[in-house]
N, C-alpha and C. Protein backbone atom coordinates (compact mmCIF):
# COMPACT_ATOMS: atom_id res chain seq x y z
N MET A 1 3.54 16.28 -23.95
CA MET A 1 3.11 16.51 -22.60
C MET A 1 4.11 17.44 -21.94
N ARG A 2 3.61 18.44 -21.26
CA ARG A 2 4.47 19.36 -20.53
C ARG A 2 4.29 19.11 -19.04
N ALA A 3 5.36 19.32 -18.30
CA ALA A 3 5.29 19.20 -16.85
C ALA A 3 5.99 20.38 -16.23
N LEU A 4 5.49 20.86 -15.13
CA LEU A 4 6.09 21.96 -14.40
C LEU A 4 6.72 21.39 -13.15
N ILE A 5 7.99 21.65 -12.97
CA ILE A 5 8.69 21.21 -11.78
C ILE A 5 9.20 22.46 -11.08
N THR A 6 8.84 22.63 -9.83
CA THR A 6 9.27 23.78 -9.05
C THR A 6 10.30 23.31 -8.05
N LEU A 7 11.42 23.98 -8.00
CA LEU A 7 12.49 23.63 -7.09
C LEU A 7 12.74 24.81 -6.19
N ALA A 8 12.63 24.61 -4.89
CA ALA A 8 12.87 25.69 -3.93
C ALA A 8 14.19 25.44 -3.23
N ILE A 9 15.02 26.45 -3.15
CA ILE A 9 16.30 26.34 -2.47
C ILE A 9 16.30 27.34 -1.34
N GLY A 10 16.51 26.86 -0.13
CA GLY A 10 16.50 27.74 1.03
C GLY A 10 17.83 27.73 1.74
N GLY A 11 17.98 28.62 2.67
CA GLY A 11 19.21 28.70 3.46
C GLY A 11 18.98 28.09 4.82
N CYS A 12 19.88 28.37 5.74
CA CYS A 12 19.76 27.94 7.14
C CYS A 12 19.60 26.42 7.26
N ASN A 13 20.58 25.69 6.88
CA ASN A 13 20.61 24.24 7.03
C ASN A 13 19.57 23.49 6.22
N THR A 14 19.05 24.09 5.17
CA THR A 14 18.13 23.35 4.32
C THR A 14 18.75 23.23 2.94
N GLY A 15 18.43 22.18 2.27
CA GLY A 15 18.95 21.97 0.93
C GLY A 15 17.85 22.15 -0.07
N SER A 16 18.02 21.54 -1.20
CA SER A 16 17.00 21.61 -2.24
C SER A 16 15.80 20.79 -1.82
N LEU A 17 14.65 21.24 -2.23
CA LEU A 17 13.41 20.55 -1.89
C LEU A 17 12.48 20.61 -3.08
N LEU A 18 12.09 19.46 -3.60
CA LEU A 18 11.13 19.42 -4.68
C LEU A 18 9.77 19.71 -4.08
N THR A 19 9.12 20.78 -4.55
CA THR A 19 7.88 21.19 -3.91
C THR A 19 6.63 20.95 -4.72
N GLY A 20 6.73 20.61 -5.98
CA GLY A 20 5.50 20.35 -6.70
C GLY A 20 5.74 19.81 -8.09
N ILE A 21 4.84 18.97 -8.54
CA ILE A 21 4.87 18.46 -9.90
C ILE A 21 3.46 18.59 -10.43
N SER A 22 3.32 19.19 -11.57
CA SER A 22 2.01 19.36 -12.15
C SER A 22 2.05 18.93 -13.60
N GLY A 23 1.18 18.02 -13.97
CA GLY A 23 1.12 17.55 -15.35
C GLY A 23 0.23 18.44 -16.19
N ASN A 24 0.18 18.17 -17.49
CA ASN A 24 -0.63 18.94 -18.40
C ASN A 24 -2.01 18.33 -18.59
N GLY A 25 -2.34 17.33 -17.77
CA GLY A 25 -3.60 16.63 -17.97
C GLY A 25 -4.76 17.24 -17.22
N GLY A 26 -4.56 18.33 -16.52
CA GLY A 26 -5.65 18.92 -15.74
C GLY A 26 -5.97 18.05 -14.55
N GLY A 27 -6.89 18.48 -13.73
CA GLY A 27 -7.35 17.65 -12.63
C GLY A 27 -6.56 17.80 -11.37
N GLY A 28 -5.73 18.82 -11.23
CA GLY A 28 -5.13 19.15 -9.95
C GLY A 28 -4.09 18.19 -9.47
N GLY A 29 -3.00 18.05 -10.14
CA GLY A 29 -1.92 17.17 -9.70
C GLY A 29 -1.35 17.59 -8.38
N GLY A 30 -0.45 16.80 -7.86
CA GLY A 30 0.21 17.16 -6.61
C GLY A 30 -0.44 16.49 -5.44
N GLY A 31 -0.57 17.20 -4.35
CA GLY A 31 -0.93 16.78 -3.03
C GLY A 31 -2.06 15.79 -2.89
N GLY A 32 -2.77 15.74 -1.85
CA GLY A 32 -3.61 14.61 -1.58
C GLY A 32 -5.01 14.68 -2.10
N GLY A 33 -5.53 13.55 -2.42
CA GLY A 33 -6.93 13.34 -2.59
C GLY A 33 -7.62 13.94 -3.80
N GLY A 34 -6.97 14.80 -4.58
CA GLY A 34 -7.61 15.36 -5.76
C GLY A 34 -7.92 14.25 -6.73
N SER A 35 -7.78 14.53 -8.00
CA SER A 35 -8.07 13.49 -8.98
C SER A 35 -6.82 12.66 -9.30
N THR A 36 -5.71 12.98 -8.68
CA THR A 36 -4.50 12.20 -8.91
C THR A 36 -4.53 10.96 -8.03
N PRO A 37 -4.46 9.75 -8.62
CA PRO A 37 -4.50 8.54 -7.81
C PRO A 37 -3.23 8.41 -6.97
N PRO A 38 -3.33 7.73 -5.84
CA PRO A 38 -2.14 7.56 -4.99
C PRO A 38 -1.18 6.53 -5.59
N VAL A 39 0.01 6.53 -5.08
CA VAL A 39 1.00 5.51 -5.39
C VAL A 39 1.03 4.61 -4.15
N LEU A 40 0.75 3.32 -4.34
CA LEU A 40 0.67 2.39 -3.21
C LEU A 40 2.00 1.67 -3.00
N SER A 41 2.27 1.33 -1.74
CA SER A 41 3.41 0.48 -1.41
C SER A 41 3.09 -0.24 -0.10
N PHE A 42 3.74 -1.39 0.09
CA PHE A 42 3.56 -2.11 1.35
C PHE A 42 4.48 -1.46 2.37
N PHE A 43 3.89 -0.89 3.41
CA PHE A 43 4.63 -0.24 4.48
C PHE A 43 5.09 -1.28 5.49
N VAL A 44 4.21 -2.23 5.84
CA VAL A 44 4.56 -3.39 6.66
C VAL A 44 4.23 -4.62 5.83
N GLN A 45 5.27 -5.39 5.48
CA GLN A 45 5.12 -6.58 4.66
C GLN A 45 4.50 -7.71 5.48
N PRO A 46 3.81 -8.66 4.81
CA PRO A 46 3.26 -9.80 5.54
C PRO A 46 4.36 -10.72 6.06
N ASN A 47 4.12 -11.30 7.22
CA ASN A 47 5.06 -12.23 7.87
C ASN A 47 4.51 -13.64 7.85
N THR A 48 5.38 -14.59 8.15
CA THR A 48 4.99 -15.99 8.30
C THR A 48 3.95 -16.10 9.41
N ALA A 49 2.96 -16.95 9.18
CA ALA A 49 1.92 -17.19 10.18
C ALA A 49 1.48 -18.64 10.07
N ASN A 50 0.74 -19.10 11.06
CA ASN A 50 0.17 -20.44 11.02
C ASN A 50 -1.16 -20.40 10.27
N VAL A 51 -1.56 -21.53 9.72
CA VAL A 51 -2.83 -21.64 9.00
C VAL A 51 -3.96 -21.11 9.88
N GLY A 52 -4.77 -20.23 9.33
CA GLY A 52 -5.94 -19.72 10.02
C GLY A 52 -5.68 -18.68 11.09
N GLN A 53 -4.43 -18.35 11.36
CA GLN A 53 -4.13 -17.35 12.39
C GLN A 53 -3.78 -16.02 11.73
N ALA A 54 -4.13 -14.94 12.40
CA ALA A 54 -3.90 -13.60 11.86
C ALA A 54 -2.42 -13.36 11.57
N ILE A 55 -2.15 -12.74 10.43
CA ILE A 55 -0.79 -12.35 10.07
C ILE A 55 -0.38 -11.22 11.00
N SER A 56 0.77 -11.37 11.65
CA SER A 56 1.21 -10.40 12.63
C SER A 56 2.68 -10.07 12.43
N PRO A 57 3.08 -8.81 12.53
CA PRO A 57 2.24 -7.65 12.77
C PRO A 57 1.30 -7.42 11.59
N PRO A 58 0.25 -6.61 11.80
CA PRO A 58 -0.70 -6.36 10.73
C PRO A 58 -0.03 -5.80 9.48
N VAL A 59 -0.49 -6.24 8.32
CA VAL A 59 -0.02 -5.71 7.05
C VAL A 59 -0.50 -4.26 6.94
N GLU A 60 0.36 -3.37 6.45
CA GLU A 60 -0.01 -1.98 6.25
C GLU A 60 0.37 -1.56 4.83
N VAL A 61 -0.55 -0.85 4.18
CA VAL A 61 -0.32 -0.34 2.83
C VAL A 61 -0.34 1.18 2.91
N LEU A 62 0.68 1.79 2.33
CA LEU A 62 0.84 3.23 2.35
C LEU A 62 0.41 3.82 1.02
N ALA A 63 -0.41 4.86 1.08
CA ALA A 63 -0.79 5.63 -0.11
C ALA A 63 0.07 6.90 -0.11
N ARG A 64 0.80 7.11 -1.21
CA ARG A 64 1.66 8.29 -1.32
C ARG A 64 1.13 9.23 -2.40
N ASP A 65 1.43 10.53 -2.25
CA ASP A 65 1.06 11.49 -3.28
C ASP A 65 2.14 11.52 -4.36
N SER A 66 2.01 12.40 -5.32
CA SER A 66 2.94 12.45 -6.45
C SER A 66 4.36 12.86 -6.04
N LEU A 67 4.52 13.38 -4.84
CA LEU A 67 5.84 13.76 -4.35
C LEU A 67 6.47 12.69 -3.47
N GLY A 68 5.74 11.60 -3.22
CA GLY A 68 6.26 10.52 -2.40
C GLY A 68 5.93 10.65 -0.93
N ASN A 69 5.15 11.65 -0.56
CA ASN A 69 4.76 11.84 0.84
C ASN A 69 3.49 11.05 1.14
N PRO A 70 3.30 10.64 2.41
CA PRO A 70 2.03 9.99 2.75
C PRO A 70 0.86 10.88 2.33
N ASP A 71 -0.11 10.32 1.65
CA ASP A 71 -1.25 11.08 1.13
C ASP A 71 -2.38 11.03 2.16
N SER A 72 -2.32 11.93 3.12
CA SER A 72 -3.30 11.93 4.21
C SER A 72 -4.69 12.34 3.74
N ALA A 73 -4.80 12.94 2.56
CA ALA A 73 -6.11 13.33 2.04
C ALA A 73 -6.79 12.19 1.28
N PHE A 74 -6.05 11.14 0.92
CA PHE A 74 -6.66 10.02 0.20
C PHE A 74 -7.48 9.18 1.16
N THR A 75 -8.76 9.03 0.87
CA THR A 75 -9.65 8.26 1.73
C THR A 75 -10.37 7.14 0.97
N GLY A 76 -9.92 6.87 -0.24
CA GLY A 76 -10.51 5.78 -1.01
C GLY A 76 -10.17 4.43 -0.41
N SER A 77 -10.90 3.43 -0.80
CA SER A 77 -10.68 2.09 -0.26
C SER A 77 -9.45 1.44 -0.89
N ILE A 78 -8.63 0.81 -0.07
CA ILE A 78 -7.50 0.01 -0.52
C ILE A 78 -7.86 -1.44 -0.25
N THR A 79 -7.69 -2.29 -1.27
CA THR A 79 -8.06 -3.70 -1.17
C THR A 79 -6.81 -4.56 -1.27
N VAL A 80 -6.73 -5.60 -0.43
CA VAL A 80 -5.62 -6.54 -0.45
C VAL A 80 -6.18 -7.92 -0.78
N SER A 81 -5.48 -8.65 -1.65
CA SER A 81 -5.90 -10.01 -2.03
C SER A 81 -4.65 -10.87 -2.24
N LEU A 82 -4.86 -12.18 -2.33
CA LEU A 82 -3.74 -13.08 -2.62
C LEU A 82 -3.35 -12.92 -4.08
N ALA A 83 -2.07 -12.65 -4.33
CA ALA A 83 -1.58 -12.48 -5.71
C ALA A 83 -1.11 -13.81 -6.26
N SER A 84 -0.25 -14.50 -5.53
CA SER A 84 0.19 -15.84 -5.94
C SER A 84 -0.49 -16.82 -5.02
N ASN A 85 -1.17 -17.80 -5.61
CA ASN A 85 -2.01 -18.68 -4.81
C ASN A 85 -2.14 -20.04 -5.49
N SER A 86 -1.07 -20.79 -5.51
CA SER A 86 -1.07 -22.09 -6.18
C SER A 86 -1.86 -23.15 -5.41
N THR A 87 -2.19 -22.90 -4.15
CA THR A 87 -2.90 -23.89 -3.33
C THR A 87 -4.41 -23.72 -3.36
N GLY A 88 -4.90 -22.62 -3.94
CA GLY A 88 -6.34 -22.35 -3.93
C GLY A 88 -6.82 -21.87 -2.58
N ALA A 89 -5.93 -21.28 -1.79
CA ALA A 89 -6.27 -20.79 -0.46
C ALA A 89 -7.18 -19.56 -0.54
N SER A 90 -7.79 -19.24 0.58
CA SER A 90 -8.56 -18.01 0.66
C SER A 90 -8.01 -17.13 1.78
N LEU A 91 -8.22 -15.86 1.61
CA LEU A 91 -7.77 -14.84 2.56
C LEU A 91 -8.99 -14.38 3.33
N SER A 92 -8.96 -14.51 4.65
CA SER A 92 -10.11 -14.10 5.45
C SER A 92 -9.76 -12.84 6.24
N GLY A 93 -10.79 -12.27 6.83
CA GLY A 93 -10.61 -11.04 7.60
C GLY A 93 -10.94 -9.83 6.74
N ALA A 94 -10.67 -8.66 7.27
CA ALA A 94 -10.96 -7.41 6.55
C ALA A 94 -9.92 -7.21 5.46
N THR A 95 -10.35 -7.30 4.20
CA THR A 95 -9.42 -7.16 3.08
C THR A 95 -9.58 -5.84 2.34
N ALA A 96 -10.48 -4.98 2.79
CA ALA A 96 -10.63 -3.64 2.23
C ALA A 96 -10.68 -2.65 3.39
N ARG A 97 -9.84 -1.64 3.30
CA ARG A 97 -9.74 -0.63 4.36
C ARG A 97 -9.57 0.74 3.74
N ARG A 98 -10.04 1.74 4.46
CA ARG A 98 -9.77 3.13 4.10
C ARG A 98 -8.57 3.59 4.93
N PRO A 99 -7.62 4.27 4.30
CA PRO A 99 -6.43 4.70 5.04
C PRO A 99 -6.72 5.83 6.01
N VAL A 100 -5.93 5.88 7.06
CA VAL A 100 -5.93 6.99 8.02
C VAL A 100 -4.53 7.59 7.93
N ASN A 101 -4.46 8.87 7.60
CA ASN A 101 -3.18 9.55 7.40
C ASN A 101 -2.32 8.83 6.37
N GLY A 102 -2.96 8.26 5.34
CA GLY A 102 -2.24 7.62 4.25
C GLY A 102 -1.92 6.15 4.45
N ILE A 103 -2.26 5.57 5.61
CA ILE A 103 -1.92 4.17 5.88
C ILE A 103 -3.18 3.35 6.15
N ALA A 104 -3.33 2.27 5.37
CA ALA A 104 -4.43 1.32 5.59
C ALA A 104 -3.86 0.11 6.33
N THR A 105 -4.45 -0.23 7.46
CA THR A 105 -3.97 -1.34 8.30
C THR A 105 -4.94 -2.51 8.20
N PHE A 106 -4.38 -3.69 7.91
CA PHE A 106 -5.16 -4.91 7.74
C PHE A 106 -4.82 -5.85 8.89
N GLY A 107 -5.53 -5.73 10.01
CA GLY A 107 -5.14 -6.39 11.24
C GLY A 107 -5.67 -7.78 11.48
N SER A 108 -6.60 -8.26 10.70
CA SER A 108 -7.20 -9.54 11.04
C SER A 108 -7.14 -10.54 9.89
N MET A 109 -6.24 -10.34 8.95
CA MET A 109 -6.18 -11.24 7.79
C MET A 109 -5.50 -12.56 8.13
N ALA A 110 -6.05 -13.65 7.58
CA ALA A 110 -5.47 -14.99 7.77
C ALA A 110 -5.65 -15.77 6.47
N VAL A 111 -4.77 -16.76 6.27
CA VAL A 111 -4.84 -17.63 5.09
C VAL A 111 -5.18 -19.03 5.58
N ASN A 112 -6.05 -19.75 4.85
CA ASN A 112 -6.58 -21.03 5.34
C ASN A 112 -5.83 -22.27 4.88
N LYS A 113 -4.73 -22.13 4.10
CA LYS A 113 -3.96 -23.30 3.66
C LYS A 113 -2.47 -22.99 3.74
N ALA A 114 -1.68 -24.01 4.08
CA ALA A 114 -0.23 -23.84 4.13
C ALA A 114 0.30 -23.61 2.72
N GLY A 115 1.35 -22.79 2.62
CA GLY A 115 1.97 -22.52 1.33
C GLY A 115 2.75 -21.22 1.38
N THR A 116 3.27 -20.83 0.22
CA THR A 116 3.99 -19.56 0.08
C THR A 116 3.17 -18.66 -0.81
N TYR A 117 2.98 -17.42 -0.38
CA TYR A 117 2.08 -16.50 -1.04
C TYR A 117 2.70 -15.11 -1.18
N THR A 118 2.05 -14.28 -2.01
CA THR A 118 2.28 -12.84 -2.02
C THR A 118 0.90 -12.20 -2.00
N LEU A 119 0.87 -10.96 -1.54
CA LEU A 119 -0.36 -10.19 -1.53
C LEU A 119 -0.27 -9.11 -2.60
N GLN A 120 -1.41 -8.66 -3.08
CA GLN A 120 -1.42 -7.49 -3.94
C GLN A 120 -2.38 -6.48 -3.34
N ALA A 121 -2.01 -5.20 -3.46
CA ALA A 121 -2.84 -4.11 -2.96
C ALA A 121 -3.26 -3.26 -4.15
N SER A 122 -4.52 -2.81 -4.12
CA SER A 122 -5.03 -1.98 -5.20
C SER A 122 -5.99 -0.94 -4.66
N ALA A 123 -6.13 0.14 -5.42
CA ALA A 123 -7.09 1.19 -5.13
C ALA A 123 -7.52 1.78 -6.47
N SER A 124 -8.67 2.37 -6.53
CA SER A 124 -9.19 2.92 -7.78
C SER A 124 -8.19 3.89 -8.42
N GLY A 125 -7.80 3.60 -9.65
CA GLY A 125 -6.89 4.46 -10.39
C GLY A 125 -5.42 4.26 -10.11
N ALA A 126 -5.09 3.54 -9.06
CA ALA A 126 -3.69 3.34 -8.67
C ALA A 126 -3.15 2.04 -9.27
N ALA A 127 -1.86 2.01 -9.51
CA ALA A 127 -1.22 0.79 -9.98
C ALA A 127 -1.22 -0.24 -8.85
N THR A 128 -1.48 -1.49 -9.19
CA THR A 128 -1.46 -2.58 -8.22
C THR A 128 -0.01 -2.86 -7.82
N VAL A 129 0.22 -3.12 -6.53
CA VAL A 129 1.56 -3.45 -6.03
C VAL A 129 1.53 -4.82 -5.37
N THR A 130 2.67 -5.50 -5.37
CA THR A 130 2.77 -6.85 -4.83
C THR A 130 3.74 -6.86 -3.66
N SER A 131 3.39 -7.62 -2.62
CA SER A 131 4.21 -7.73 -1.42
C SER A 131 5.37 -8.69 -1.63
N SER A 132 6.21 -8.77 -0.63
CA SER A 132 7.23 -9.82 -0.57
C SER A 132 6.53 -11.15 -0.32
N ALA A 133 7.20 -12.24 -0.66
CA ALA A 133 6.64 -13.57 -0.40
C ALA A 133 6.64 -13.86 1.10
N PHE A 134 5.64 -14.60 1.54
CA PHE A 134 5.55 -15.02 2.94
C PHE A 134 4.99 -16.43 2.99
N SER A 135 5.22 -17.12 4.10
CA SER A 135 4.79 -18.51 4.25
C SER A 135 3.68 -18.64 5.27
N ILE A 136 2.77 -19.55 5.00
CA ILE A 136 1.75 -19.97 5.96
C ILE A 136 2.08 -21.42 6.28
N THR A 137 2.23 -21.70 7.54
CA THR A 137 2.68 -23.04 7.97
C THR A 137 1.58 -23.76 8.74
N THR A 138 1.68 -25.07 8.76
CA THR A 138 0.76 -25.92 9.51
C THR A 138 1.31 -26.11 10.91
N VAL A 139 0.45 -25.95 11.88
CA VAL A 139 0.86 -26.16 13.27
C VAL A 139 1.06 -27.66 13.49
N THR A 140 2.20 -28.03 14.01
CA THR A 140 2.46 -29.45 14.31
C THR A 140 2.51 -29.62 15.83
N GLU A 141 1.90 -30.69 16.26
CA GLU A 141 1.89 -31.00 17.71
C GLU A 141 3.21 -31.69 18.08
N PRO A 142 3.75 -31.40 19.26
CA PRO A 142 5.01 -32.05 19.66
C PRO A 142 4.87 -33.53 19.97
């Protein structure tokens, strides 16, 4: 497999900048939305929440291009699900979103049982990624 790496060096307070990576597999590597799948990462990790209440702040998943930049051209669906789920809980709310400017925001997700969980995010052709662990707690009355 051959790869082309272009390195641009400029003056006036700029350093080296990696400007493109192209593989030998055809299909238009590099920038956004072509046939190159995005690289996913959790931009905003899930936080502790109470049973049945929305996780706040909203979980956000970032789609990056082959250079590590937000892939604003990627408009495929990103899906989030429970990755570790020893309690048999379910995840409610919108669990599939299309990104805007490379970021998919999941604002209404909630888990219906107390426990410790992780989320996984996936998109067609992209490697699945897993979030940090978070807790869902039971509300106790004083």
